[in-house]
Amino acid sequence: MFHRILIAVDGSPTAHSAVRTTTELALLSGAKVRVLHIDTSEVVYDTVVGLEDDATAHQVLDSAVATLRQAGIQADGELLDGLTPDVAQAVQKAAEDFGADLIVVSPHHHGRLAAWFSPSVSVAIAHKSQIAVLLTPRQG
């Protein structure tokens, strides 16, 4: 079973499904959980533009950590800054640094055109990770 789970969350509603699934897995296995949130930015011409303010980034992270702790799970959080194209690599590195044996992410389903311009982070993680990856479904 899993001993160290890294869950990557963003501010979207699909993150709730990932937190719920991680909670259930951690309760079953007694795993320690690290919640990762990446405060993303984009480069527009020669300017770096933040996509989220610091308060919102902390709120996303703190909310997920609090949910896990309220369920009795040993959990902590890590907030990183990163450019959007580097998110998948940052998640993988954070998982390796934590010693995770499972990465939990909730995929966002893009249309073909959107996927062309903004490749899926969850797919990139799943294809390149040496650590098991669990893609959680959207909340029904």
N, C-alpha and C. Protein backbone atom coordinates (compact mmCIF):
# COMPACT_ATOMS: atom_id res chain seq x y z
N MET A 1 0.86 -1.18 0.00
CA MET A 1 0.00 0.00 0.00
C MET A 1 0.89 1.23 0.00
N PHE A 2 0.28 2.37 -0.12
CA PHE A 2 1.02 3.62 -0.23
C PHE A 2 1.38 4.18 1.15
N HIS A 3 2.58 4.76 1.23
CA HIS A 3 3.07 5.32 2.49
C HIS A 3 3.21 6.83 2.44
N ARG A 4 3.50 7.36 1.25
CA ARG A 4 3.70 8.80 1.08
C ARG A 4 3.02 9.23 -0.23
N ILE A 5 1.98 10.04 -0.09
CA ILE A 5 1.19 10.46 -1.24
C ILE A 5 1.38 11.95 -1.45
N LEU A 6 1.70 12.33 -2.68
CA LEU A 6 1.73 13.74 -3.05
C LEU A 6 0.48 14.01 -3.88
N ILE A 7 -0.28 14.99 -3.46
CA ILE A 7 -1.46 15.41 -4.22
C ILE A 7 -1.22 16.82 -4.73
N ALA A 8 -1.38 16.99 -6.03
CA ALA A 8 -1.22 18.31 -6.65
C ALA A 8 -2.61 18.89 -6.86
N VAL A 9 -2.85 20.07 -6.28
CA VAL A 9 -4.16 20.70 -6.39
C VAL A 9 -4.04 22.07 -7.05
N ASP A 10 -5.11 22.44 -7.71
CA ASP A 10 -5.23 23.79 -8.25
C ASP A 10 -6.53 24.36 -7.68
N GLY A 11 -6.93 25.50 -8.14
CA GLY A 11 -8.12 26.13 -7.60
C GLY A 11 -9.41 25.70 -8.25
N SER A 12 -9.37 24.69 -9.10
CA SER A 12 -10.56 24.27 -9.83
C SER A 12 -11.44 23.34 -8.99
N PRO A 13 -12.71 23.22 -9.37
CA PRO A 13 -13.61 22.30 -8.66
C PRO A 13 -13.16 20.84 -8.74
N THR A 14 -12.40 20.46 -9.77
CA THR A 14 -11.95 19.07 -9.88
C THR A 14 -10.96 18.70 -8.78
N ALA A 15 -10.34 19.66 -8.16
CA ALA A 15 -9.40 19.38 -7.07
C ALA A 15 -10.11 18.74 -5.88
N HIS A 16 -11.38 19.03 -5.69
CA HIS A 16 -12.13 18.44 -4.57
C HIS A 16 -12.19 16.92 -4.70
N SER A 17 -12.33 16.44 -5.92
CA SER A 17 -12.35 15.00 -6.15
C SER A 17 -11.01 14.38 -5.79
N ALA A 18 -9.93 15.06 -6.13
CA ALA A 18 -8.59 14.55 -5.80
C ALA A 18 -8.37 14.52 -4.30
N VAL A 19 -8.83 15.54 -3.61
CA VAL A 19 -8.68 15.59 -2.14
C VAL A 19 -9.51 14.48 -1.50
N ARG A 20 -10.72 14.29 -1.97
CA ARG A 20 -11.59 13.24 -1.42
C ARG A 20 -10.97 11.86 -1.63
N THR A 21 -10.47 11.59 -2.83
CA THR A 21 -9.86 10.30 -3.12
C THR A 21 -8.59 10.09 -2.30
N THR A 22 -7.79 11.14 -2.18
CA THR A 22 -6.57 11.05 -1.38
C THR A 22 -6.89 10.80 0.08
N THR A 23 -7.93 11.43 0.58
CA THR A 23 -8.36 11.21 1.96
C THR A 23 -8.70 9.75 2.19
N GLU A 24 -9.48 9.17 1.29
CA GLU A 24 -9.87 7.77 1.42
C GLU A 24 -8.67 6.84 1.37
N LEU A 25 -7.76 7.08 0.43
CA LEU A 25 -6.56 6.25 0.32
C LEU A 25 -5.67 6.35 1.56
N ALA A 26 -5.47 7.57 2.03
CA ALA A 26 -4.61 7.79 3.19
C ALA A 26 -5.21 7.16 4.45
N LEU A 27 -6.52 7.23 4.59
CA LEU A 27 -7.15 6.60 5.75
C LEU A 27 -6.99 5.08 5.71
N LEU A 28 -7.09 4.50 4.52
CA LEU A 28 -6.94 3.05 4.37
C LEU A 28 -5.51 2.58 4.61
N SER A 29 -4.56 3.39 4.16
CA SER A 29 -3.16 2.95 4.18
C SER A 29 -2.33 3.56 5.31
N GLY A 30 -2.85 4.59 5.97
CA GLY A 30 -2.06 5.28 6.98
C GLY A 30 -0.96 6.15 6.39
N ALA A 31 -1.12 6.52 5.12
CA ALA A 31 -0.09 7.29 4.42
C ALA A 31 0.01 8.71 4.93
N LYS A 32 1.21 9.26 4.84
CA LYS A 32 1.44 10.68 5.06
C LYS A 32 1.19 11.37 3.71
N VAL A 33 0.62 12.57 3.75
CA VAL A 33 0.25 13.26 2.52
C VAL A 33 0.92 14.64 2.47
N ARG A 34 1.44 14.96 1.31
CA ARG A 34 1.90 16.32 1.05
C ARG A 34 1.02 16.90 -0.05
N VAL A 35 0.45 18.06 0.24
CA VAL A 35 -0.37 18.77 -0.74
C VAL A 35 0.55 19.78 -1.44
N LEU A 36 0.52 19.78 -2.75
CA LEU A 36 1.32 20.70 -3.55
C LEU A 36 0.41 21.60 -4.35
N HIS A 37 0.68 22.89 -4.27
CA HIS A 37 -0.02 23.85 -5.13
C HIS A 37 1.04 24.71 -5.79
N ILE A 38 0.91 24.89 -7.08
CA ILE A 38 1.86 25.71 -7.83
C ILE A 38 1.15 26.97 -8.27
N ASP A 39 1.66 28.09 -7.79
CA ASP A 39 1.16 29.41 -8.16
C ASP A 39 1.76 29.73 -9.53
N THR A 40 0.95 29.57 -10.57
CA THR A 40 1.47 29.63 -11.93
C THR A 40 1.49 31.03 -12.52
N SER A 41 2.41 31.17 -13.45
CA SER A 41 2.57 32.42 -14.21
C SER A 41 2.75 32.07 -15.68
N GLU A 42 2.47 33.02 -16.52
CA GLU A 42 2.68 32.90 -17.96
C GLU A 42 3.64 33.99 -18.40
N VAL A 43 4.40 33.73 -19.44
CA VAL A 43 5.24 34.76 -20.04
C VAL A 43 4.49 35.32 -21.24
N VAL A 44 4.24 36.62 -21.19
CA VAL A 44 3.57 37.30 -22.29
C VAL A 44 4.55 38.34 -22.82
N TYR A 45 5.04 38.06 -24.01
CA TYR A 45 6.12 38.86 -24.61
C TYR A 45 7.32 38.86 -23.67
N ASP A 46 7.62 39.94 -23.03
CA ASP A 46 8.78 39.98 -22.13
C ASP A 46 8.36 40.20 -20.68
N THR A 47 7.11 39.89 -20.37
CA THR A 47 6.59 40.12 -19.03
C THR A 47 6.04 38.81 -18.44
N VAL A 48 6.37 38.56 -17.18
CA VAL A 48 5.80 37.41 -16.47
C VAL A 48 4.51 37.87 -15.79
N VAL A 49 3.43 37.19 -16.10
CA VAL A 49 2.11 37.56 -15.58
C VAL A 49 1.61 36.45 -14.65
N GLY A 50 1.39 36.80 -13.40
CA GLY A 50 0.86 35.84 -12.44
C GLY A 50 -0.59 35.52 -12.75
N LEU A 51 -0.96 34.26 -12.66
CA LEU A 51 -2.33 33.85 -12.94
C LEU A 51 -3.18 33.76 -11.68
N GLU A 52 -2.53 33.96 -10.53
CA GLU A 52 -3.22 33.82 -9.26
C GLU A 52 -2.51 34.72 -8.24
N ASP A 53 -3.29 35.37 -7.38
CA ASP A 53 -2.62 36.19 -6.36
C ASP A 53 -2.19 35.29 -5.20
N ASP A 54 -1.26 35.78 -4.40
CA ASP A 54 -0.70 34.99 -3.31
C ASP A 54 -1.74 34.53 -2.30
N ALA A 55 -2.70 35.38 -1.99
CA ALA A 55 -3.73 35.01 -1.02
C ALA A 55 -4.56 33.83 -1.52
N THR A 56 -4.91 33.84 -2.78
CA THR A 56 -5.68 32.74 -3.36
C THR A 56 -4.87 31.46 -3.37
N ALA A 57 -3.60 31.56 -3.72
CA ALA A 57 -2.72 30.39 -3.75
C ALA A 57 -2.64 29.75 -2.37
N HIS A 58 -2.45 30.57 -1.34
CA HIS A 58 -2.39 30.06 0.03
C HIS A 58 -3.73 29.45 0.45
N GLN A 59 -4.82 30.05 0.03
CA GLN A 59 -6.15 29.55 0.38
C GLN A 59 -6.39 28.16 -0.22
N VAL A 60 -6.00 27.98 -1.48
CA VAL A 60 -6.16 26.68 -2.14
C VAL A 60 -5.38 25.61 -1.39
N LEU A 61 -4.13 25.92 -1.07
CA LEU A 61 -3.27 24.97 -0.37
C LEU A 61 -3.79 24.69 1.04
N ASP A 62 -4.06 25.75 1.79
CA ASP A 62 -4.49 25.59 3.18
C ASP A 62 -5.81 24.83 3.30
N SER A 63 -6.71 25.05 2.37
CA SER A 63 -8.01 24.37 2.39
C SER A 63 -7.83 22.86 2.22
N ALA A 64 -7.00 22.46 1.28
CA ALA A 64 -6.78 21.02 1.05
C ALA A 64 -6.09 20.38 2.24
N VAL A 65 -5.07 21.06 2.79
CA VAL A 65 -4.37 20.52 3.97
C VAL A 65 -5.34 20.39 5.14
N ALA A 66 -6.16 21.40 5.36
CA ALA A 66 -7.12 21.38 6.47
C ALA A 66 -8.12 20.23 6.32
N THR A 67 -8.59 19.99 5.12
CA THR A 67 -9.54 18.89 4.87
C THR A 67 -8.91 17.55 5.25
N LEU A 68 -7.68 17.34 4.84
CA LEU A 68 -6.99 16.09 5.15
C LEU A 68 -6.76 15.95 6.66
N ARG A 69 -6.31 17.02 7.29
CA ARG A 69 -6.04 16.96 8.74
C ARG A 69 -7.32 16.73 9.53
N GLN A 70 -8.43 17.32 9.09
CA GLN A 70 -9.70 17.11 9.79
C GLN A 70 -10.14 15.66 9.74
N ALA A 71 -9.67 14.95 8.72
CA ALA A 71 -10.00 13.53 8.60
C ALA A 71 -9.03 12.67 9.41
N GLY A 72 -8.06 13.31 10.07
CA GLY A 72 -7.11 12.57 10.89
C GLY A 72 -5.86 12.12 10.16
N ILE A 73 -5.59 12.72 9.03
CA ILE A 73 -4.44 12.34 8.21
C ILE A 73 -3.27 13.28 8.50
N GLN A 74 -2.08 12.71 8.59
CA GLN A 74 -0.88 13.51 8.76
C GLN A 74 -0.58 14.16 7.40
N ALA A 75 -0.76 15.48 7.32
CA ALA A 75 -0.62 16.18 6.04
C ALA A 75 0.10 17.50 6.24
N ASP A 76 0.87 17.87 5.23
CA ASP A 76 1.48 19.19 5.18
C ASP A 76 1.34 19.72 3.76
N GLY A 77 1.78 20.93 3.55
CA GLY A 77 1.62 21.55 2.25
C GLY A 77 2.89 22.21 1.77
N GLU A 78 2.96 22.36 0.46
CA GLU A 78 4.09 23.05 -0.18
C GLU A 78 3.54 23.93 -1.29
N LEU A 79 3.94 25.18 -1.27
CA LEU A 79 3.52 26.14 -2.28
C LEU A 79 4.75 26.53 -3.10
N LEU A 80 4.65 26.36 -4.41
CA LEU A 80 5.73 26.71 -5.31
C LEU A 80 5.26 27.74 -6.33
N ASP A 81 6.18 28.51 -6.84
CA ASP A 81 5.91 29.39 -7.97
C ASP A 81 6.46 28.73 -9.22
N GLY A 82 5.75 28.85 -10.33
CA GLY A 82 6.26 28.24 -11.55
C GLY A 82 5.54 28.73 -12.79
N LEU A 83 6.23 28.60 -13.91
CA LEU A 83 5.62 28.92 -15.19
C LEU A 83 4.73 27.76 -15.62
N THR A 84 3.66 28.07 -16.28
CA THR A 84 2.69 27.05 -16.68
C THR A 84 3.32 25.87 -17.42
N PRO A 85 4.24 26.10 -18.38
CA PRO A 85 4.81 24.94 -19.08
C PRO A 85 5.68 24.04 -18.20
N ASP A 86 6.07 24.52 -17.03
CA ASP A 86 6.96 23.76 -16.14
C ASP A 86 6.24 23.04 -15.01
N VAL A 87 4.92 23.11 -14.98
CA VAL A 87 4.15 22.56 -13.86
C VAL A 87 4.34 21.05 -13.72
N ALA A 88 4.24 20.30 -14.80
CA ALA A 88 4.36 18.84 -14.72
C ALA A 88 5.72 18.44 -14.16
N GLN A 89 6.75 19.08 -14.63
CA GLN A 89 8.10 18.77 -14.14
C GLN A 89 8.24 19.15 -12.67
N ALA A 90 7.65 20.25 -12.26
CA ALA A 90 7.71 20.67 -10.85
C ALA A 90 6.98 19.68 -9.95
N VAL A 91 5.85 19.15 -10.41
CA VAL A 91 5.11 18.15 -9.63
C VAL A 91 5.96 16.89 -9.48
N GLN A 92 6.58 16.45 -10.55
CA GLN A 92 7.41 15.25 -10.49
C GLN A 92 8.58 15.44 -9.53
N LYS A 93 9.23 16.58 -9.60
CA LYS A 93 10.37 16.85 -8.71
C LYS A 93 9.93 16.91 -7.25
N ALA A 94 8.80 17.57 -6.99
CA ALA A 94 8.29 17.65 -5.62
C ALA A 94 7.96 16.26 -5.09
N ALA A 95 7.41 15.40 -5.93
CA ALA A 95 7.08 14.04 -5.52
C ALA A 95 8.36 13.26 -5.20
N GLU A 96 9.37 13.40 -6.02
CA GLU A 96 10.64 12.73 -5.77
C GLU A 96 11.28 13.24 -4.48
N ASP A 97 11.28 14.56 -4.29
CA ASP A 97 11.88 15.15 -3.09
C ASP A 97 11.16 14.68 -1.82
N PHE A 98 9.86 14.48 -1.91
CA PHE A 98 9.04 14.03 -0.78
C PHE A 98 9.19 12.52 -0.54
N GLY A 99 9.68 11.82 -1.55
CA GLY A 99 9.75 10.36 -1.45
C GLY A 99 8.41 9.70 -1.66
N ALA A 100 7.57 10.34 -2.45
CA ALA A 100 6.21 9.84 -2.68
C ALA A 100 6.24 8.52 -3.43
N ASP A 101 5.29 7.66 -3.09
CA ASP A 101 5.10 6.44 -3.86
C ASP A 101 3.78 6.50 -4.65
N LEU A 102 3.10 7.65 -4.58
CA LEU A 102 1.90 7.89 -5.38
C LEU A 102 1.72 9.39 -5.58
N ILE A 103 1.38 9.77 -6.81
CA ILE A 103 1.02 11.15 -7.14
C ILE A 103 -0.46 11.14 -7.51
N VAL A 104 -1.23 12.03 -6.90
CA VAL A 104 -2.65 12.14 -7.20
C VAL A 104 -2.90 13.48 -7.87
N VAL A 105 -3.54 13.45 -9.03
CA VAL A 105 -3.91 14.67 -9.75
C VAL A 105 -5.30 14.50 -10.32
N SER A 106 -5.96 15.62 -10.55
CA SER A 106 -7.27 15.57 -11.18
C SER A 106 -7.15 16.23 -12.55
N PRO A 107 -7.35 15.45 -13.60
CA PRO A 107 -7.17 15.99 -14.94
C PRO A 107 -8.28 16.96 -15.32
N HIS A 108 -7.92 17.89 -16.16
CA HIS A 108 -8.89 18.81 -16.76
C HIS A 108 -9.07 18.35 -18.20
N HIS A 109 -10.29 18.19 -18.60
CA HIS A 109 -10.55 17.70 -19.94
C HIS A 109 -10.64 18.87 -20.90
N HIS A 110 -9.68 18.91 -21.82
CA HIS A 110 -9.61 19.98 -22.81
C HIS A 110 -10.19 19.47 -24.13
N GLY A 111 -10.74 20.39 -24.91
CA GLY A 111 -11.09 20.06 -26.28
C GLY A 111 -9.80 19.93 -27.08
N ARG A 112 -9.90 19.45 -28.29
CA ARG A 112 -8.70 19.23 -29.11
C ARG A 112 -7.92 20.52 -29.35
N LEU A 113 -8.61 21.60 -29.65
CA LEU A 113 -7.91 22.86 -29.91
C LEU A 113 -7.23 23.39 -28.65
N ALA A 114 -7.93 23.35 -27.53
CA ALA A 114 -7.33 23.82 -26.27
C ALA A 114 -6.14 22.95 -25.88
N ALA A 115 -6.24 21.64 -26.10
CA ALA A 115 -5.15 20.73 -25.76
C ALA A 115 -3.92 21.00 -26.62
N TRP A 116 -4.13 21.44 -27.84
CA TRP A 116 -3.01 21.76 -28.73
C TRP A 116 -2.21 22.94 -28.18
N PHE A 117 -2.90 23.94 -27.69
CA PHE A 117 -2.23 25.14 -27.18
C PHE A 117 -1.79 25.01 -25.73
N SER A 118 -2.47 24.17 -24.98
CA SER A 118 -2.15 24.00 -23.56
C SER A 118 -2.21 22.52 -23.22
N PRO A 119 -1.10 21.80 -23.41
CA PRO A 119 -1.10 20.36 -23.15
C PRO A 119 -1.47 20.04 -21.71
N SER A 120 -2.06 18.89 -21.52
CA SER A 120 -2.53 18.47 -20.21
C SER A 120 -1.37 18.17 -19.26
N VAL A 121 -1.41 18.81 -18.10
CA VAL A 121 -0.39 18.58 -17.08
C VAL A 121 -0.49 17.15 -16.57
N SER A 122 -1.70 16.67 -16.32
CA SER A 122 -1.86 15.31 -15.79
C SER A 122 -1.35 14.26 -16.77
N VAL A 123 -1.56 14.46 -18.04
CA VAL A 123 -1.05 13.50 -19.04
C VAL A 123 0.48 13.52 -19.05
N ALA A 124 1.06 14.71 -18.99
CA ALA A 124 2.52 14.81 -18.96
C ALA A 124 3.10 14.12 -17.73
N ILE A 125 2.46 14.28 -16.59
CA ILE A 125 2.92 13.63 -15.36
C ILE A 125 2.80 12.11 -15.52
N ALA A 126 1.67 11.64 -15.98
CA ALA A 126 1.44 10.21 -16.11
C ALA A 126 2.41 9.54 -17.08
N HIS A 127 2.76 10.23 -18.15
CA HIS A 127 3.64 9.65 -19.16
C HIS A 127 5.11 9.64 -18.76
N LYS A 128 5.52 10.59 -17.93
CA LYS A 128 6.94 10.72 -17.63
C LYS A 128 7.33 10.29 -16.23
N SER A 129 6.39 10.08 -15.36
CA SER A 129 6.69 9.81 -13.95
C SER A 129 7.18 8.38 -13.75
N GLN A 130 8.15 8.23 -12.86
CA GLN A 130 8.62 6.92 -12.41
C GLN A 130 7.85 6.49 -11.15
N ILE A 131 6.95 7.37 -10.71
CA ILE A 131 6.12 7.13 -9.52
C ILE A 131 4.70 6.86 -10.01
N ALA A 132 3.98 5.98 -9.33
CA ALA A 132 2.61 5.69 -9.70
C ALA A 132 1.78 6.97 -9.69
N VAL A 133 0.89 7.11 -10.66
CA VAL A 133 0.04 8.30 -10.78
C VAL A 133 -1.42 7.87 -10.80
N LEU A 134 -2.21 8.52 -9.98
CA LEU A 134 -3.65 8.28 -9.94
C LEU A 134 -4.35 9.52 -10.46
N LEU A 135 -5.12 9.35 -11.53
CA LEU A 135 -5.92 10.43 -12.10
C LEU A 135 -7.33 10.25 -11.54
N THR A 136 -7.78 11.23 -10.79
CA THR A 136 -9.10 11.12 -10.16
C THR A 136 -10.18 11.63 -11.10
N PRO A 137 -11.37 11.06 -11.00
CA PRO A 137 -12.46 11.53 -11.85
C PRO A 137 -13.00 12.86 -11.37
N ARG A 138 -13.69 13.51 -12.27
CA ARG A 138 -14.40 14.74 -11.87
C ARG A 138 -15.51 14.35 -10.90
N GLN A 139 -15.85 15.30 -10.02
CA GLN A 139 -16.97 15.02 -9.11
C GLN A 139 -18.23 14.92 -9.91
N GLY A 140 -19.05 13.95 -9.56
CA GLY A 140 -20.28 13.74 -10.29
C GLY A 140 -21.35 14.49 -9.69
